[in-house]
Amino acid sequence: MVKIKITADNPALQELAAAVKKIGRSDILPATDATFQGCAKMVADSWRAYGQGQKDIPGVPPMKKPSSNYSGGVKVKKSAPLEYTISNESKAAPLLEYGTDGYDMKTTHPYGKKSRVSKQKNPKTKMIELIPYLIVPFSWGTPGTVTFQNTMTEDIYAIAERMKKSVVMEETHFEENWAGEAIERHEYTWADRLNENDLGNADGMVRMSDTPTGKSTYWTFRIISAKSPKNSWINKGIPARNVTEGLKALHEKEIADAIQNALATDLG
């Protein structure tokens, strides 16, 4: 969870806020309390609009793809008299706020629960080696969609939409992962596969039948192996966006002025 607090930020106001908190009543400063509430809503609205791709925050990278989960995670709570907390409870909020370190995916992913194991003969030792690997699916959007990381061009879609559909079968089988656990795996009936020149990341795409809807989904599959070439699966991490710092800078003066005006109204 990521939080911002709107609270007293100068000694005089802090002293006044402490007195109000002590008696537990903010109604003795109605204009000030209403202003705190309004300012909290203003910050929350800006945060939600940013998550929906409808508002830029100076100094913060723009949200290129709207996220309803991120914007929907913004909550406002009155934590004390003259104190409001605006938080974002979505799972994406800490990732975007603080970022993540990069790492080599081939040192982690081939060893997870969904890992598989292949057998290869070592040309030097002539011994059979067990090589862990993971099949990674990548979903593709049709032209014009903005919610997918990968979106087909019109030319690729013109070919892909005519391919015969592959199907996920009801039958399953068990196969051990790297840790020796028996993992249930789906069976598939594979049909056409995109295999043209100059396809880039779309090479090998399949058109899958989405049983519940009767529509099609489009996927490519790649393998991360413990033997994958060096630097072929580097996760560069996520740069910290510091959204809350941007929100503070955006609204700080406006909030301070509004609170001072409200105090003048309440105190005469």
Protein backbone atom coordinates (compact mmCIF):
# COMPACT_ATOMS: atom_id res chain seq x y z
CA MET A 1 0.00 0.00 0.00
CA VAL A 2 1.15 3.53 -0.82
CA LYS A 3 -0.04 6.48 1.29
CA ILE A 4 -0.18 10.27 1.35
CA LYS A 5 -1.28 12.23 4.42
CA ILE A 6 -2.88 15.65 4.48
CA THR A 7 -2.20 17.03 7.94
CA ALA A 8 -0.98 20.09 9.80
CA ASP A 9 2.40 21.10 8.40
CA ASN A 10 3.39 24.22 10.35
CA PRO A 11 3.94 24.67 14.12
CA ALA A 12 0.90 26.88 14.76
CA LEU A 13 -1.45 24.62 12.83
CA GLN A 14 0.09 21.54 14.42
CA GLU A 15 -0.59 22.98 17.87
CA LEU A 16 -4.17 23.76 16.91
CA ALA A 17 -4.65 20.33 15.35
CA ALA A 18 -3.26 18.67 18.48
CA ALA A 19 -5.81 20.51 20.60
CA VAL A 20 -8.63 19.49 18.27
CA LYS A 21 -7.46 15.87 18.30
CA LYS A 22 -7.25 15.90 22.09
CA ILE A 23 -10.92 16.70 22.44
CA GLY A 24 -11.74 14.52 19.43
CA ARG A 25 -13.89 17.11 17.71
CA SER A 26 -13.25 18.77 14.38
CA ASP A 27 -16.70 20.38 14.21
CA ILE A 28 -15.38 23.37 16.14
CA LEU A 29 -13.45 24.22 12.96
CA PRO A 30 -16.07 23.35 10.33
CA ALA A 31 -14.56 25.24 7.40
CA THR A 32 -11.09 23.87 8.10
CA ASP A 33 -12.33 20.32 8.48
CA ALA A 34 -14.32 20.58 5.26
CA THR A 35 -11.25 21.96 3.49
CA PHE A 36 -9.10 19.05 4.65
CA GLN A 37 -11.75 16.69 3.33
CA GLY A 38 -12.01 18.55 0.03
CA CYS A 39 -8.24 18.60 -0.42
CA ALA A 40 -8.05 14.87 0.24
CA LYS A 41 -10.70 14.29 -2.42
CA MET A 42 -8.81 16.55 -4.83
CA VAL A 43 -5.60 14.54 -4.42
CA ALA A 44 -7.49 11.25 -4.72
CA ASP A 45 -9.22 12.43 -7.90
CA SER A 46 -5.86 13.41 -9.42
CA TRP A 47 -4.40 10.02 -8.48
CA ARG A 48 -7.33 8.16 -10.05
CA ALA A 49 -7.22 10.30 -13.18
CA TYR A 50 -3.50 9.58 -13.51
CA GLY A 51 -4.17 5.84 -13.25
CA GLN A 52 -6.81 6.13 -15.95
CA GLY A 53 -4.40 7.92 -18.27
CA GLN A 54 -6.52 11.09 -18.12
CA LYS A 55 -4.11 13.35 -16.20
CA ASP A 56 -0.39 14.01 -16.24
CA ILE A 57 1.52 14.73 -13.04
CA PRO A 58 4.56 16.99 -13.55
CA GLY A 59 7.79 15.06 -13.06
CA VAL A 60 6.05 11.66 -13.18
CA PRO A 61 6.17 9.43 -16.28
CA PRO A 62 2.74 9.30 -17.95
CA MET A 63 0.47 6.28 -17.57
CA LYS A 64 0.55 4.99 -21.13
CA LYS A 65 -1.98 2.22 -20.52
CA PRO A 66 -4.97 2.96 -18.25
CA SER A 67 -5.30 0.64 -15.27
CA SER A 68 -8.70 0.31 -13.60
CA ASN A 69 -7.13 -1.78 -10.83
CA TYR A 70 -4.59 0.94 -10.06
CA SER A 71 -7.06 3.83 -10.16
CA GLY A 72 -9.68 1.78 -8.30
CA GLY A 73 -7.20 1.17 -5.49
CA VAL A 74 -7.24 4.84 -4.42
CA LYS A 75 -9.06 5.29 -1.09
CA VAL A 76 -9.63 8.26 1.23
CA LYS A 77 -9.88 7.88 5.00
CA LYS A 78 -10.23 10.39 7.82
CA SER A 79 -7.50 9.14 10.15
CA ALA A 80 -7.93 11.84 12.84
CA PRO A 81 -9.46 15.30 13.25
CA LEU A 82 -7.81 17.55 10.65
CA GLU A 83 -5.96 14.58 9.15
CA TYR A 84 -6.80 12.57 6.05
CA THR A 85 -4.96 9.65 4.47
CA ILE A 86 -5.12 8.96 0.75
CA SER A 87 -3.88 5.47 -0.06
CA ASN A 88 -3.60 3.21 -3.07
CA GLU A 89 -4.28 -0.40 -2.11
CA SER A 90 -3.75 -1.96 -5.54
CA LYS A 91 -0.93 -4.47 -5.98
CA ALA A 92 0.56 -2.31 -8.73
CA ALA A 93 0.89 0.78 -6.54
CA PRO A 94 4.14 -0.17 -4.71
CA LEU A 95 5.69 -1.38 -7.97
CA LEU A 96 5.00 1.90 -9.74
CA GLU A 97 5.83 4.03 -6.71
CA TYR A 98 9.13 2.45 -5.64
CA GLY A 99 10.13 0.47 -8.73
CA THR A 100 11.88 -2.89 -8.77
CA ASP A 101 15.44 -4.05 -9.33
CA GLY A 102 16.36 -5.82 -12.53
CA TYR A 103 17.44 -9.46 -12.53
CA ASP A 104 18.29 -12.37 -14.81
CA MET A 105 15.08 -14.35 -15.27
CA LYS A 106 16.89 -17.52 -16.28
CA THR A 107 18.20 -17.82 -12.71
CA THR A 108 14.66 -17.90 -11.28
CA HIS A 109 11.88 -18.81 -13.71
CA PRO A 110 13.11 -22.25 -14.88
CA TYR A 111 13.07 -23.47 -11.28
CA GLY A 112 9.52 -22.50 -10.28
CA LYS A 113 6.40 -24.58 -9.69
CA LYS A 114 5.42 -24.63 -13.38
CA SER A 115 8.92 -25.53 -14.54
CA ARG A 116 9.62 -28.50 -16.78
CA VAL A 117 12.71 -30.65 -17.25
CA SER A 118 14.43 -31.70 -20.46
CA LYS A 119 17.24 -34.21 -20.91
CA GLN A 120 20.28 -33.28 -22.95
CA LYS A 121 23.51 -35.10 -23.61
CA ASN A 122 26.58 -33.13 -22.58
CA PRO A 123 28.97 -33.31 -25.58
CA LYS A 124 32.02 -33.11 -23.30
CA THR A 125 31.11 -35.54 -20.55
CA LYS A 126 28.80 -37.72 -22.68
CA MET A 127 26.49 -37.70 -19.66
CA ILE A 128 22.77 -36.93 -19.70
CA GLU A 129 22.00 -33.60 -18.03
CA LEU A 130 18.67 -32.45 -16.66
CA ILE A 131 17.88 -28.93 -17.87
CA PRO A 132 15.08 -26.95 -16.18
CA TYR A 133 12.99 -24.69 -18.39
CA LEU A 134 9.73 -22.77 -18.42
CA ILE A 135 7.30 -22.16 -21.28
CA VAL A 136 6.20 -18.52 -21.12
CA PRO A 137 2.94 -17.49 -22.86
CA PHE A 138 2.54 -13.97 -24.26
CA SER A 139 -0.96 -12.74 -25.10
CA TRP A 140 -1.57 -10.48 -28.09
CA GLY A 141 -4.23 -7.88 -28.71
CA THR A 142 -5.90 -7.22 -32.03
CA PRO A 143 -5.22 -3.90 -33.82
CA GLY A 144 -6.51 -0.90 -31.91
CA THR A 145 -6.52 -2.45 -28.44
CA VAL A 146 -4.52 -0.68 -25.73
CA THR A 147 -4.77 -3.11 -22.81
CA PHE A 148 -2.22 -5.61 -24.15
CA GLN A 149 1.54 -5.38 -23.91
CA ASN A 150 1.74 -6.83 -27.43
CA THR A 151 -0.60 -5.63 -30.17
CA MET A 152 -0.73 -7.09 -33.67
CA THR A 153 -0.28 -4.96 -36.76
CA GLU A 154 -3.08 -4.96 -39.32
CA ASP A 155 -0.96 -7.13 -41.66
CA ILE A 156 -0.26 -9.79 -39.03
CA TYR A 157 -3.89 -9.82 -37.87
CA ALA A 158 -5.10 -10.31 -41.44
CA ILE A 159 -3.16 -13.59 -41.49
CA ALA A 160 -3.73 -14.66 -37.89
CA GLU A 161 -7.52 -14.31 -37.92
CA ARG A 162 -7.75 -16.86 -40.75
CA MET A 163 -5.68 -19.51 -38.97
CA LYS A 164 -7.34 -22.66 -37.67
CA LYS A 165 -7.84 -22.56 -33.92
CA SER A 166 -5.80 -24.56 -31.45
CA VAL A 167 -7.78 -26.00 -28.53
CA VAL A 168 -7.13 -26.60 -24.83
CA MET A 169 -8.44 -30.11 -24.18
CA GLU A 170 -10.26 -31.37 -21.09
CA GLU A 171 -7.67 -34.12 -20.70
CA THR A 172 -4.66 -33.48 -18.49
CA HIS A 173 -1.52 -35.35 -17.50
CA PHE A 174 0.99 -35.10 -14.67
CA GLU A 175 4.60 -34.18 -15.26
CA GLU A 176 7.33 -33.46 -12.73
CA ASN A 177 8.80 -30.01 -12.32
CA TRP A 178 12.39 -29.23 -11.36
CA ALA A 179 11.67 -29.86 -7.67
CA GLY A 180 10.23 -33.29 -8.46
CA GLU A 181 6.61 -32.30 -7.81
CA ALA A 182 3.95 -33.90 -10.03
CA ILE A 183 2.25 -30.96 -11.74
CA GLU A 184 -1.00 -31.32 -13.66
CA ARG A 185 -0.59 -30.10 -17.24
CA HIS A 186 -3.16 -29.42 -19.93
CA GLU A 187 -3.34 -31.34 -23.19
CA TYR A 188 -3.62 -29.35 -26.42
CA THR A 189 -4.72 -29.93 -29.98
CA TRP A 190 -2.47 -27.67 -31.99
CA ALA A 191 -3.54 -26.23 -35.35
CA ASP A 192 -2.00 -23.48 -37.48
CA ARG A 193 1.03 -21.53 -36.37
CA LEU A 194 2.15 -18.19 -37.79
CA ASN A 195 5.41 -18.76 -39.63
CA GLU A 196 6.20 -16.01 -42.10
CA ASN A 197 9.22 -13.82 -42.76
CA ASP A 198 9.90 -10.67 -40.73
CA LEU A 199 7.35 -11.38 -38.01
CA GLY A 200 9.58 -10.35 -35.12
CA ASN A 201 8.06 -11.26 -31.76
CA ALA A 202 4.90 -12.53 -33.48
CA ASP A 203 6.75 -15.51 -34.96
CA GLY A 204 5.08 -18.78 -33.96
CA MET A 205 1.77 -17.17 -32.97
CA VAL A 206 -1.23 -19.46 -32.53
CA ARG A 207 -4.92 -18.69 -32.54
CA MET A 208 -6.60 -20.31 -29.55
CA SER A 209 -10.27 -21.10 -29.11
CA ASP A 210 -11.67 -19.37 -26.03
CA THR A 211 -14.24 -21.99 -25.01
CA PRO A 212 -16.41 -19.86 -22.67
CA THR A 213 -16.90 -17.02 -25.16
CA GLY A 214 -16.44 -18.77 -28.50
CA LYS A 215 -14.05 -16.01 -29.52
CA SER A 216 -10.37 -16.24 -30.35
CA THR A 217 -7.29 -15.35 -28.36
CA TYR A 218 -3.79 -15.03 -29.78
CA TRP A 219 -0.59 -16.25 -28.15
CA THR A 220 3.10 -16.72 -28.70
CA PHE A 221 5.26 -18.98 -26.53
CA ARG A 222 8.89 -18.64 -25.57
CA ILE A 223 11.19 -20.83 -23.49
CA ILE A 224 13.36 -19.65 -20.60
CA SER A 225 15.96 -22.31 -19.92
CA ALA A 226 18.84 -22.58 -17.51
CA LYS A 227 20.89 -22.94 -20.70
CA SER A 228 19.46 -19.87 -22.45
CA PRO A 229 22.12 -17.54 -23.90
CA LYS A 230 23.64 -15.02 -21.52
CA ASN A 231 21.58 -11.82 -21.12
CA SER A 232 18.74 -13.22 -23.25
CA TRP A 233 16.20 -12.99 -20.42
CA ILE A 234 17.17 -9.89 -18.46
CA ASN A 235 14.32 -8.20 -16.62
CA LYS A 236 15.37 -4.56 -16.53
CA GLY A 237 13.17 -3.84 -13.54
CA ILE A 238 10.71 -1.00 -13.15
CA PRO A 239 11.98 2.56 -12.59
CA ALA A 240 10.42 4.26 -9.56
CA ARG A 241 7.76 6.76 -10.58
CA ASN A 242 7.40 8.49 -7.19
CA VAL A 243 3.76 9.28 -7.92
CA THR A 244 3.05 10.50 -4.38
CA GLU A 245 5.92 13.00 -4.53
CA GLY A 246 4.50 14.30 -7.79
CA LEU A 247 1.03 14.62 -6.28
CA LYS A 248 2.43 16.51 -3.30
CA ALA A 249 4.32 18.93 -5.54
CA LEU A 250 1.25 19.39 -7.74
CA HIS A 251 -1.18 20.23 -4.94
CA GLU A 252 1.00 21.42 -2.04
CA LYS A 253 0.56 25.18 -2.47
CA GLU A 254 -3.12 24.90 -3.33
CA ILE A 255 -3.75 22.85 -0.19
CA ALA A 256 -1.74 25.19 2.06
CA ASP A 257 -3.58 28.26 0.74
CA ALA A 258 -6.99 26.59 1.10
CA ILE A 259 -6.30 25.57 4.71
CA GLN A 260 -5.08 29.06 5.65
CA ASN A 261 -8.23 30.60 4.17
CA ALA A 262 -10.42 28.09 5.98
CA LEU A 263 -8.70 28.80 9.29
CA ALA A 264 -9.25 32.51 8.78
CA THR A 265 -12.94 31.78 8.28
CA ASP A 266 -13.19 29.64 11.42
CA LEU A 267 -11.10 31.83 13.71
CA GLY A 268 -12.30 35.18 12.42
